[in-house]
């Protein structure tokens, strides 16, 4: 889900169901809901509450956990930069990073001798 500003509840429900290998009907049976309800949730036609999403994920034998952290979009800038590069430019950039890390590792190893 590259560049998704948010994750829809339907995405979470579908991902949990697919990871478990359940059909919509099977998941509905576990929850006491009709298959059509599961389908509407997955299409985001209906947005279930957060607690309902957690219940659905748990019915799949998974757990949905949350944490709060400071927002950091610094990788977006790096990704955008790399998407504008040609494959050969991306490879050259990768090799420069590898050389940098190799030199850094050599310097760190030298300090420990």
C-alpha atoms as a PDB file:
ATOM      1  CA  UNK A   1       0.000   0.000   0.000  1.00  0.00           C
ATOM      2  CA  UNK A   2       2.581   2.492  -1.057  1.00  0.00           C
ATOM      3  CA  UNK A   3       1.621   6.085  -0.327  1.00  0.00           C
ATOM      4  CA  UNK A   4      -1.579   5.201   1.444  1.00  0.00           C
ATOM      5  CA  UNK A   5      -2.316   8.125   3.730  1.00  0.00           C
ATOM      6  CA  UNK A   6      -4.610   5.874   5.679  1.00  0.00           C
ATOM      7  CA  UNK A   7      -5.624   2.256   5.822  1.00  0.00           C
ATOM      8  CA  UNK A   8      -9.281   1.547   5.286  1.00  0.00           C
ATOM      9  CA  UNK A   9     -10.998  -0.868   7.626  1.00  0.00           C
ATOM     10  CA  UNK A  10     -11.947  -2.996   4.609  1.00  0.00           C
ATOM     11  CA  UNK A  11      -8.266  -3.436   3.771  1.00  0.00           C
ATOM     12  CA  UNK A  12      -7.567  -4.743   7.275  1.00  0.00           C
ATOM     13  CA  UNK A  13     -10.513  -7.116   7.207  1.00  0.00           C
ATOM     14  CA  UNK A  14      -9.652  -8.506   3.797  1.00  0.00           C
ATOM     15  CA  UNK A  15      -5.966  -8.892   4.701  1.00  0.00           C
ATOM     16  CA  UNK A  16      -6.839 -10.788   7.880  1.00  0.00           C
ATOM     17  CA  UNK A  17      -9.282 -13.028   6.034  1.00  0.00           C
ATOM     18  CA  UNK A  18      -6.832 -13.789   3.224  1.00  0.00           C
ATOM     19  CA  UNK A  19      -3.963 -14.489   5.633  1.00  0.00           C
ATOM     20  CA  UNK A  20      -6.146 -17.036   7.345  1.00  0.00           C
ATOM     21  CA  UNK A  21      -7.378 -18.529   4.071  1.00  0.00           C
ATOM     22  CA  UNK A  22     -11.046 -17.977   4.861  1.00  0.00           C
ATOM     23  CA  UNK A  23     -13.791 -17.186   2.402  1.00  0.00           C
ATOM     24  CA  UNK A  24     -16.130 -14.314   3.147  1.00  0.00           C
ATOM     25  CA  UNK A  25     -18.839 -16.850   3.981  1.00  0.00           C
ATOM     26  CA  UNK A  26     -16.569 -18.714   6.409  1.00  0.00           C
ATOM     27  CA  UNK A  27     -15.553 -15.500   8.149  1.00  0.00           C
ATOM     28  CA  UNK A  28     -19.189 -14.449   8.305  1.00  0.00           C
ATOM     29  CA  UNK A  29     -20.091 -17.761   9.919  1.00  0.00           C
ATOM     30  CA  UNK A  30     -17.427 -17.256  12.589  1.00  0.00           C
ATOM     31  CA  UNK A  31     -18.870 -13.834  13.340  1.00  0.00           C
ATOM     32  CA  UNK A  32     -22.552 -14.717  12.967  1.00  0.00           C
ATOM     33  CA  UNK A  33     -22.797 -12.338  10.002  1.00  0.00           C
ATOM     34  CA  UNK A  34     -23.942 -12.856   6.428  1.00  0.00           C
ATOM     35  CA  UNK A  35     -21.319 -13.108   3.663  1.00  0.00           C
ATOM     36  CA  UNK A  36     -22.801  -9.931   2.172  1.00  0.00           C
ATOM     37  CA  UNK A  37     -21.885  -8.004   5.351  1.00  0.00           C
ATOM     38  CA  UNK A  38     -18.265  -9.120   5.045  1.00  0.00           C
ATOM     39  CA  UNK A  39     -18.272  -8.125   1.361  1.00  0.00           C
ATOM     40  CA  UNK A  40     -19.639  -4.645   2.169  1.00  0.00           C
ATOM     41  CA  UNK A  41     -16.972  -4.168   4.858  1.00  0.00           C
ATOM     42  CA  UNK A  42     -14.187  -5.253   2.497  1.00  0.00           C
ATOM     43  CA  UNK A  43     -15.414  -2.887  -0.245  1.00  0.00           C
ATOM     44  CA  UNK A  44     -15.644  -0.095   2.341  1.00  0.00           C
ATOM     45  CA  UNK A  45     -19.307   0.372   1.472  1.00  0.00           C
ATOM     46  CA  UNK A  46     -19.879   0.215   5.228  1.00  0.00           C
ATOM     47  CA  UNK A  47     -17.263   1.261   7.766  1.00  0.00           C
ATOM     48  CA  UNK A  48     -17.370  -0.884  10.879  1.00  0.00           C
ATOM     49  CA  UNK A  49     -16.200   0.526  14.184  1.00  0.00           C
ATOM     50  CA  UNK A  50     -12.638  -0.008  15.316  1.00  0.00           C
ATOM     51  CA  UNK A  51     -13.828  -2.545  17.873  1.00  0.00           C
ATOM     52  CA  UNK A  52     -15.673  -4.467  15.160  1.00  0.00           C
ATOM     53  CA  UNK A  53     -12.524  -4.534  13.024  1.00  0.00           C
ATOM     54  CA  UNK A  54     -10.584  -5.917  15.998  1.00  0.00           C
ATOM     55  CA  UNK A  55     -13.288  -8.543  16.533  1.00  0.00           C
ATOM     56  CA  UNK A  56     -13.097  -9.566  12.865  1.00  0.00           C
ATOM     57  CA  UNK A  57      -9.305  -9.783  12.968  1.00  0.00           C
ATOM     58  CA  UNK A  58      -9.484 -11.890  16.133  1.00  0.00           C
ATOM     59  CA  UNK A  59     -12.035 -14.184  14.474  1.00  0.00           C
ATOM     60  CA  UNK A  60      -9.288 -14.828  11.920  1.00  0.00           C
ATOM     61  CA  UNK A  61      -6.946 -15.883  14.717  1.00  0.00           C
ATOM     62  CA  UNK A  62      -4.903 -12.708  14.463  1.00  0.00           C
ATOM     63  CA  UNK A  63      -4.528  -9.660  16.655  1.00  0.00           C
ATOM     64  CA  UNK A  64      -4.656  -6.035  15.665  1.00  0.00           C
ATOM     65  CA  UNK A  65      -2.327  -3.896  17.731  1.00  0.00           C
ATOM     66  CA  UNK A  66      -1.786  -0.160  17.742  1.00  0.00           C
ATOM     67  CA  UNK A  67       0.954   2.162  18.777  1.00  0.00           C
ATOM     68  CA  UNK A  68       1.444   5.879  18.582  1.00  0.00           C
ATOM     69  CA  UNK A  69       4.656   7.422  17.398  1.00  0.00           C
ATOM     70  CA  UNK A  70       5.890  10.684  16.061  1.00  0.00           C
ATOM     71  CA  UNK A  71       4.925  11.132  12.409  1.00  0.00           C
ATOM     72  CA  UNK A  72       7.891  10.663  10.082  1.00  0.00           C
ATOM     73  CA  UNK A  73       7.554  10.983   6.333  1.00  0.00           C
ATOM     74  CA  UNK A  74      11.287  11.247   5.619  1.00  0.00           C
ATOM     75  CA  UNK A  75      11.228   8.004   3.634  1.00  0.00           C
ATOM     76  CA  UNK A  76       8.644   9.464   1.252  1.00  0.00           C
ATOM     77  CA  UNK A  77      11.208  12.007   0.043  1.00  0.00           C
ATOM     78  CA  UNK A  78      13.803   9.293  -0.497  1.00  0.00           C
ATOM     79  CA  UNK A  79      11.301   7.082  -2.301  1.00  0.00           C
ATOM     80  CA  UNK A  80      10.188   9.956  -4.547  1.00  0.00           C
ATOM     81  CA  UNK A  81      13.817  10.721  -5.393  1.00  0.00           C
ATOM     82  CA  UNK A  82      14.505   7.099  -6.312  1.00  0.00           C
ATOM     83  CA  UNK A  83      11.359   6.828  -8.401  1.00  0.00           C
ATOM     84  CA  UNK A  84      12.613   9.705 -10.546  1.00  0.00           C
ATOM     85  CA  UNK A  85      15.943   7.929 -11.134  1.00  0.00           C
ATOM     86  CA  UNK A  86      16.698   5.582 -13.986  1.00  0.00           C
ATOM     87  CA  UNK A  87      17.547   1.993 -13.042  1.00  0.00           C
ATOM     88  CA  UNK A  88      21.252   2.662 -13.630  1.00  0.00           C
ATOM     89  CA  UNK A  89      21.110   5.759 -11.416  1.00  0.00           C
ATOM     90  CA  UNK A  90      19.398   3.763  -8.658  1.00  0.00           C
ATOM     91  CA  UNK A  91      22.052   1.066  -8.934  1.00  0.00           C
ATOM     92  CA  UNK A  92      24.870   3.645  -8.778  1.00  0.00           C
ATOM     93  CA  UNK A  93      23.247   5.210  -5.710  1.00  0.00           C
ATOM     94  CA  UNK A  94      22.936   1.794  -4.086  1.00  0.00           C
ATOM     95  CA  UNK A  95      26.592   0.995  -4.745  1.00  0.00           C
ATOM     96  CA  UNK A  96      27.658   4.358  -3.296  1.00  0.00           C
ATOM     97  CA  UNK A  97      25.672   3.549  -0.143  1.00  0.00           C
ATOM     98  CA  UNK A  98      27.222   0.082   0.065  1.00  0.00           C
ATOM     99  CA  UNK A  99      30.724   1.575  -0.237  1.00  0.00           C
ATOM    100  CA  UNK A 100      29.881   4.156   2.431  1.00  0.00           C
ATOM    101  CA  UNK A 101      28.678   1.473   4.841  1.00  0.00           C
ATOM    102  CA  UNK A 102      31.686  -0.735   4.085  1.00  0.00           C
ATOM    103  CA  UNK A 103      34.062   2.165   4.854  1.00  0.00           C
ATOM    104  CA  UNK A 104      32.142   2.984   8.010  1.00  0.00           C
ATOM    105  CA  UNK A 105      32.311  -0.632   9.140  1.00  0.00           C
ATOM    106  CA  UNK A 106      36.067  -0.736   8.477  1.00  0.00           C
ATOM    107  CA  UNK A 107      36.542   2.413  10.524  1.00  0.00           C
ATOM    108  CA  UNK A 108      34.460   1.013  13.371  1.00  0.00           C
ATOM    109  CA  UNK A 109      36.409  -2.275  13.257  1.00  0.00           C
ATOM    110  CA  UNK A 110      39.664  -0.320  13.390  1.00  0.00           C
ATOM    111  CA  UNK A 111      38.537   1.417  16.593  1.00  0.00           C
ATOM    112  CA  UNK A 112      37.916  -1.882  18.327  1.00  0.00           C
ATOM    113  CA  UNK A 113      41.406  -3.283  17.708  1.00  0.00           C
END
